[in-house]
């Protein structure tokens, strides 16, 4: 008797992947010299429309990363995607940073710096153009990119919110 392979439905959860965007080192001077501590900025996502960011601090890098992943899993956001790209252009803002996200044609890829690229790739965006204005701090860029992604709306979402039919 042969067992049938189990077919996965489209709605089944994909496993979450994580990446470290940046590790920050902090030091304090004590009697015996310098004592270092570390902070890790982490992005977690399933590459299919769910993404979160986390920040963890500890005396060792692996512990900081672990705390960052745990923090990111607490704040997962659903992103409105349209095939391989985003539905429309949008500006994400966080403090002194502004990130412009523009949809791109298939095959363009993710044109972004390392901080914004991590958020976009783990959110599942495959074709997008970005430009960062203002502060280039990794923390600010990641949060501004996430702000832009969270505020995206598809045509169906806008139609249901307004209660009207939008024509092309």
C-alpha atoms as a PDB file:
ATOM      1  CA  UNK A   1       0.000   0.000   0.000  1.00  0.00           C
ATOM      2  CA  UNK A   2       1.622   3.266  -1.222  1.00  0.00           C
ATOM      3  CA  UNK A   3       1.079   6.513   0.599  1.00  0.00           C
ATOM      4  CA  UNK A   4      -0.203   9.508  -1.372  1.00  0.00           C
ATOM      5  CA  UNK A   5       1.960  12.648  -1.177  1.00  0.00           C
ATOM      6  CA  UNK A   6       0.282  15.458   0.731  1.00  0.00           C
ATOM      7  CA  UNK A   7      -0.573  18.455  -1.455  1.00  0.00           C
ATOM      8  CA  UNK A   8      -0.022  21.861   0.124  1.00  0.00           C
ATOM      9  CA  UNK A   9      -2.737  24.443  -0.376  1.00  0.00           C
ATOM     10  CA  UNK A  10      -1.934  28.062  -1.327  1.00  0.00           C
ATOM     11  CA  UNK A  11      -3.178  29.290   2.039  1.00  0.00           C
ATOM     12  CA  UNK A  12      -0.835  27.071   4.037  1.00  0.00           C
ATOM     13  CA  UNK A  13       1.710  29.021   6.067  1.00  0.00           C
ATOM     14  CA  UNK A  14       5.195  29.254   4.629  1.00  0.00           C
ATOM     15  CA  UNK A  15       8.054  28.982   7.118  1.00  0.00           C
ATOM     16  CA  UNK A  16       9.480  32.239   8.405  1.00  0.00           C
ATOM     17  CA  UNK A  17      13.037  33.101   7.413  1.00  0.00           C
ATOM     18  CA  UNK A  18      15.198  35.669   9.161  1.00  0.00           C
ATOM     19  CA  UNK A  19      18.234  37.782   8.370  1.00  0.00           C
ATOM     20  CA  UNK A  20      20.414  40.158  10.331  1.00  0.00           C
ATOM     21  CA  UNK A  21      20.419  43.629   8.781  1.00  0.00           C
ATOM     22  CA  UNK A  22      23.049  45.108  11.078  1.00  0.00           C
ATOM     23  CA  UNK A  23      24.834  44.413  14.354  1.00  0.00           C
ATOM     24  CA  UNK A  24      25.588  47.427  16.540  1.00  0.00           C
ATOM     25  CA  UNK A  25      28.433  47.381  19.087  1.00  0.00           C
ATOM     26  CA  UNK A  26      28.292  49.552  22.172  1.00  0.00           C
ATOM     27  CA  UNK A  27      31.016  49.923  24.787  1.00  0.00           C
ATOM     28  CA  UNK A  28      31.251  51.252  28.283  1.00  0.00           C
ATOM     29  CA  UNK A  29      34.472  51.933  30.104  1.00  0.00           C
ATOM     30  CA  UNK A  30      34.912  50.139  33.412  1.00  0.00           C
ATOM     31  CA  UNK A  31      37.827  49.804  35.799  1.00  0.00           C
ATOM     32  CA  UNK A  32      39.360  46.874  33.894  1.00  0.00           C
ATOM     33  CA  UNK A  33      38.930  48.364  30.397  1.00  0.00           C
ATOM     34  CA  UNK A  34      36.089  48.409  27.903  1.00  0.00           C
ATOM     35  CA  UNK A  35      33.005  46.223  28.224  1.00  0.00           C
ATOM     36  CA  UNK A  36      31.111  45.588  24.969  1.00  0.00           C
ATOM     37  CA  UNK A  37      27.444  44.899  24.389  1.00  0.00           C
ATOM     38  CA  UNK A  38      25.674  44.219  21.116  1.00  0.00           C
ATOM     39  CA  UNK A  39      22.378  45.013  19.453  1.00  0.00           C
ATOM     40  CA  UNK A  40      20.978  43.285  16.356  1.00  0.00           C
ATOM     41  CA  UNK A  41      18.477  44.643  13.830  1.00  0.00           C
ATOM     42  CA  UNK A  42      16.642  41.644  12.330  1.00  0.00           C
ATOM     43  CA  UNK A  43      14.079  41.162   9.548  1.00  0.00           C
ATOM     44  CA  UNK A  44      11.753  38.122   9.523  1.00  0.00           C
ATOM     45  CA  UNK A  45       9.450  37.154   6.658  1.00  0.00           C
ATOM     46  CA  UNK A  46       7.960  34.331   4.622  1.00  0.00           C
ATOM     47  CA  UNK A  47       8.711  35.899   1.186  1.00  0.00           C
ATOM     48  CA  UNK A  48       4.972  35.777   0.457  1.00  0.00           C
ATOM     49  CA  UNK A  49       3.494  38.948   1.957  1.00  0.00           C
ATOM     50  CA  UNK A  50       4.337  38.708   5.662  1.00  0.00           C
ATOM     51  CA  UNK A  51       7.237  40.631   7.209  1.00  0.00           C
ATOM     52  CA  UNK A  52       8.342  41.939  10.619  1.00  0.00           C
ATOM     53  CA  UNK A  53      11.311  43.742  12.109  1.00  0.00           C
ATOM     54  CA  UNK A  54      12.908  43.243  15.506  1.00  0.00           C
ATOM     55  CA  UNK A  55      15.658  44.677  17.652  1.00  0.00           C
ATOM     56  CA  UNK A  56      17.469  42.671  20.312  1.00  0.00           C
ATOM     57  CA  UNK A  57      20.220  43.636  22.750  1.00  0.00           C
ATOM     58  CA  UNK A  58      22.568  41.384  24.713  1.00  0.00           C
ATOM     59  CA  UNK A  59      26.189  40.949  25.799  1.00  0.00           C
ATOM     60  CA  UNK A  60      26.810  38.401  23.019  1.00  0.00           C
ATOM     61  CA  UNK A  61      25.935  38.673  19.308  1.00  0.00           C
ATOM     62  CA  UNK A  62      24.047  35.333  18.976  1.00  0.00           C
ATOM     63  CA  UNK A  63      21.838  36.174  21.963  1.00  0.00           C
ATOM     64  CA  UNK A  64      21.105  39.630  20.525  1.00  0.00           C
ATOM     65  CA  UNK A  65      20.126  38.067  17.180  1.00  0.00           C
ATOM     66  CA  UNK A  66      17.906  35.502  18.926  1.00  0.00           C
ATOM     67  CA  UNK A  67      16.133  38.267  20.875  1.00  0.00           C
ATOM     68  CA  UNK A  68      15.745  40.279  17.661  1.00  0.00           C
ATOM     69  CA  UNK A  69      14.105  37.333  15.870  1.00  0.00           C
ATOM     70  CA  UNK A  70      11.748  36.812  18.816  1.00  0.00           C
ATOM     71  CA  UNK A  71      10.852  40.516  18.767  1.00  0.00           C
ATOM     72  CA  UNK A  72      10.278  40.482  14.989  1.00  0.00           C
ATOM     73  CA  UNK A  73       7.909  37.501  15.194  1.00  0.00           C
ATOM     74  CA  UNK A  74       5.725  39.494  17.629  1.00  0.00           C
ATOM     75  CA  UNK A  75       5.202  42.286  15.085  1.00  0.00           C
ATOM     76  CA  UNK A  76       4.461  40.574  11.769  1.00  0.00           C
ATOM     77  CA  UNK A  77       2.624  42.644   9.126  1.00  0.00           C
ATOM     78  CA  UNK A  78       0.631  41.500   6.076  1.00  0.00           C
ATOM     79  CA  UNK A  79       1.698  43.317   2.902  1.00  0.00           C
ATOM     80  CA  UNK A  80      -0.543  43.901  -0.142  1.00  0.00           C
ATOM     81  CA  UNK A  81       1.372  42.570  -3.150  1.00  0.00           C
ATOM     82  CA  UNK A  82       0.464  42.503  -6.833  1.00  0.00           C
ATOM     83  CA  UNK A  83       2.172  39.522  -8.494  1.00  0.00           C
ATOM     84  CA  UNK A  84       5.924  40.186  -8.152  1.00  0.00           C
ATOM     85  CA  UNK A  85       5.726  43.896  -7.305  1.00  0.00           C
ATOM     86  CA  UNK A  86       3.796  46.467  -5.268  1.00  0.00           C
ATOM     87  CA  UNK A  87       0.377  47.816  -6.399  1.00  0.00           C
ATOM     88  CA  UNK A  88       1.372  51.511  -6.559  1.00  0.00           C
ATOM     89  CA  UNK A  89       4.080  54.045  -5.703  1.00  0.00           C
ATOM     90  CA  UNK A  90       4.284  55.092  -2.062  1.00  0.00           C
ATOM     91  CA  UNK A  91       6.465  57.060   0.322  1.00  0.00           C
ATOM     92  CA  UNK A  92       7.419  55.510   3.657  1.00  0.00           C
ATOM     93  CA  UNK A  93       8.521  57.824   6.443  1.00  0.00           C
ATOM     94  CA  UNK A  94      10.216  57.348   9.778  1.00  0.00           C
ATOM     95  CA  UNK A  95      11.734  60.310  11.610  1.00  0.00           C
ATOM     96  CA  UNK A  96      14.377  61.906   9.332  1.00  0.00           C
ATOM     97  CA  UNK A  97      14.163  59.167   6.684  1.00  0.00           C
ATOM     98  CA  UNK A  98      11.905  59.035   3.640  1.00  0.00           C
ATOM     99  CA  UNK A  99      11.867  55.956   1.373  1.00  0.00           C
ATOM    100  CA  UNK A 100      10.201  56.127  -2.049  1.00  0.00           C
ATOM    101  CA  UNK A 101       8.951  52.752  -3.343  1.00  0.00           C
ATOM    102  CA  UNK A 102       8.044  52.500  -7.055  1.00  0.00           C
ATOM    103  CA  UNK A 103       6.613  49.384  -8.772  1.00  0.00           C
ATOM    104  CA  UNK A 104       8.826  47.962 -11.527  1.00  0.00           C
ATOM    105  CA  UNK A 105       8.279  45.729 -14.541  1.00  0.00           C
ATOM    106  CA  UNK A 106       8.987  41.982 -14.242  1.00  0.00           C
ATOM    107  CA  UNK A 107      12.684  41.131 -14.353  1.00  0.00           C
ATOM    108  CA  UNK A 108      13.875  44.414 -12.853  1.00  0.00           C
ATOM    109  CA  UNK A 109      14.715  42.955  -9.448  1.00  0.00           C
ATOM    110  CA  UNK A 110      14.961  44.763  -6.126  1.00  0.00           C
ATOM    111  CA  UNK A 111      16.870  47.997  -6.731  1.00  0.00           C
ATOM    112  CA  UNK A 112      17.571  49.077  -3.148  1.00  0.00           C
ATOM    113  CA  UNK A 113      20.256  49.488  -0.536  1.00  0.00           C
ATOM    114  CA  UNK A 114      21.018  46.646   1.858  1.00  0.00           C
ATOM    115  CA  UNK A 115      18.635  47.743   4.648  1.00  0.00           C
ATOM    116  CA  UNK A 116      15.609  48.358   2.413  1.00  0.00           C
ATOM    117  CA  UNK A 117      16.446  45.278   0.302  1.00  0.00           C
ATOM    118  CA  UNK A 118      16.219  42.972   3.340  1.00  0.00           C
ATOM    119  CA  UNK A 119      12.706  44.180   4.205  1.00  0.00           C
ATOM    120  CA  UNK A 120      11.486  44.066   0.585  1.00  0.00           C
ATOM    121  CA  UNK A 121      12.884  40.603  -0.203  1.00  0.00           C
ATOM    122  CA  UNK A 122      11.554  39.006   2.980  1.00  0.00           C
ATOM    123  CA  UNK A 123       8.162  40.632   2.313  1.00  0.00           C
ATOM    124  CA  UNK A 124       8.072  38.878  -1.068  1.00  0.00           C
ATOM    125  CA  UNK A 125       8.592  41.868  -3.376  1.00  0.00           C
ATOM    126  CA  UNK A 126      10.712  40.826  -6.371  1.00  0.00           C
ATOM    127  CA  UNK A 127      10.549  43.896  -8.659  1.00  0.00           C
ATOM    128  CA  UNK A 128      10.743  47.378  -7.154  1.00  0.00           C
ATOM    129  CA  UNK A 129      12.732  50.623  -7.395  1.00  0.00           C
ATOM    130  CA  UNK A 130      13.602  52.547  -4.233  1.00  0.00           C
ATOM    131  CA  UNK A 131      15.243  55.804  -3.244  1.00  0.00           C
ATOM    132  CA  UNK A 132      16.146  56.881   0.287  1.00  0.00           C
ATOM    133  CA  UNK A 133      16.138  60.563   1.246  1.00  0.00           C
ATOM    134  CA  UNK A 134      17.370  62.026   4.527  1.00  0.00           C
ATOM    135  CA  UNK A 135      18.997  59.892   7.205  1.00  0.00           C
ATOM    136  CA  UNK A 136      20.602  56.691   5.921  1.00  0.00           C
ATOM    137  CA  UNK A 137      20.618  55.053   9.371  1.00  0.00           C
ATOM    138  CA  UNK A 138      19.833  51.326   9.034  1.00  0.00           C
ATOM    139  CA  UNK A 139      17.195  51.458  11.793  1.00  0.00           C
ATOM    140  CA  UNK A 140      15.380  54.393  10.193  1.00  0.00           C
ATOM    141  CA  UNK A 141      15.547  52.979   6.643  1.00  0.00           C
ATOM    142  CA  UNK A 142      14.129  49.609   7.754  1.00  0.00           C
ATOM    143  CA  UNK A 143      11.273  51.259   9.657  1.00  0.00           C
ATOM    144  CA  UNK A 144      10.508  53.711   6.820  1.00  0.00           C
ATOM    145  CA  UNK A 145      10.444  50.866   4.267  1.00  0.00           C
ATOM    146  CA  UNK A 146       8.085  48.853   6.466  1.00  0.00           C
ATOM    147  CA  UNK A 147       5.879  51.948   6.914  1.00  0.00           C
ATOM    148  CA  UNK A 148       5.564  52.276   3.131  1.00  0.00           C
ATOM    149  CA  UNK A 149       4.761  48.578   2.663  1.00  0.00           C
ATOM    150  CA  UNK A 150       2.130  48.554   5.405  1.00  0.00           C
ATOM    151  CA  UNK A 151       0.289  51.518   3.816  1.00  0.00           C
ATOM    152  CA  UNK A 152      -0.044  49.810   0.402  1.00  0.00           C
ATOM    153  CA  UNK A 153      -3.603  49.119  -0.820  1.00  0.00           C
ATOM    154  CA  UNK A 154      -4.797  46.965  -3.721  1.00  0.00           C
ATOM    155  CA  UNK A 155      -7.694  47.987  -5.975  1.00  0.00           C
ATOM    156  CA  UNK A 156      -9.987  45.455  -4.243  1.00  0.00           C
ATOM    157  CA  UNK A 157      -9.095  46.821  -0.797  1.00  0.00           C
ATOM    158  CA  UNK A 158      -9.896  50.402  -1.863  1.00  0.00           C
ATOM    159  CA  UNK A 159     -13.190  49.313  -3.482  1.00  0.00           C
ATOM    160  CA  UNK A 160     -14.301  47.528  -0.310  1.00  0.00           C
ATOM    161  CA  UNK A 161     -13.244  50.422   1.950  1.00  0.00           C
ATOM    162  CA  UNK A 162     -15.086  53.038  -0.130  1.00  0.00           C
ATOM    163  CA  UNK A 163     -18.007  50.843  -1.136  1.00  0.00           C
ATOM    164  CA  UNK A 164     -17.684  51.778  -4.828  1.00  0.00           C
ATOM    165  CA  UNK A 165     -16.448  50.134  -8.021  1.00  0.00           C
ATOM    166  CA  UNK A 166     -13.230  51.622  -9.443  1.00  0.00           C
ATOM    167  CA  UNK A 167     -12.912  51.552 -13.227  1.00  0.00           C
ATOM    168  CA  UNK A 168      -9.573  51.010 -14.963  1.00  0.00           C
END
